[in-house]
Amino acid sequence: MTHPDQKKLDQIARMWNHRGRGLITEMNLKIEKVAIDGVLVRMPFNPAFCADEVKTLLHGGVLTALLDSVFGLANFVAIDGISSMATLDLRVDYLRPAKSRADVMVRAECIRQTRHIAFNSGRIWFDEPDQAEVARGAASFALTRGEVSIFDAMTQSRSSK
């Protein structure tokens, strides 16, 4: 694997944010750190994602979707030449109730890759002083590699306009 420069990593992060659709857009994700060894993303507190009447308990499905999405970013950053990817397996261990009104933090990394599969791990916590983990996740993704990576396709289409 070649190590792209920080400028390229930042471009990938901006494109990932720009291409977000549906629930991901509603999450209003903020990328705090992007590097080959992992990404750190913040999800601001949103009471619409809570499952209780007092609006403090985040729905587990939101945490699962958050991990899935941030794993994708970690893969795009860590692996060159990806033209597309799909989630093969995603496991989330909920370690305690996700109860807080603080922002949610997620760190994800690509821990191993083959030509066709990427493996990820990640963890979620609230942006609070104790930073106690709320959930941990692991996933695998099917990778499609083409002559043109999704990053190159997007940067080429931008420069031709």
Foldseek 3Di string as FASTA:
>chain_A
DDFDDPVLLVLLVVVLLVPDDDPSVVQVKDWPDTGLFKTKIKRAFDLVQADDPVSFFGDPVSVQVVQVSRQVSQCPNNDPQFADKDWDDKDKDFPDTRGGNAIKMKMKHFPDDDPFKTKMKMWMAGPDPVRDTGMIMITMMTTDGDPAHNSRVVVVVVVVD
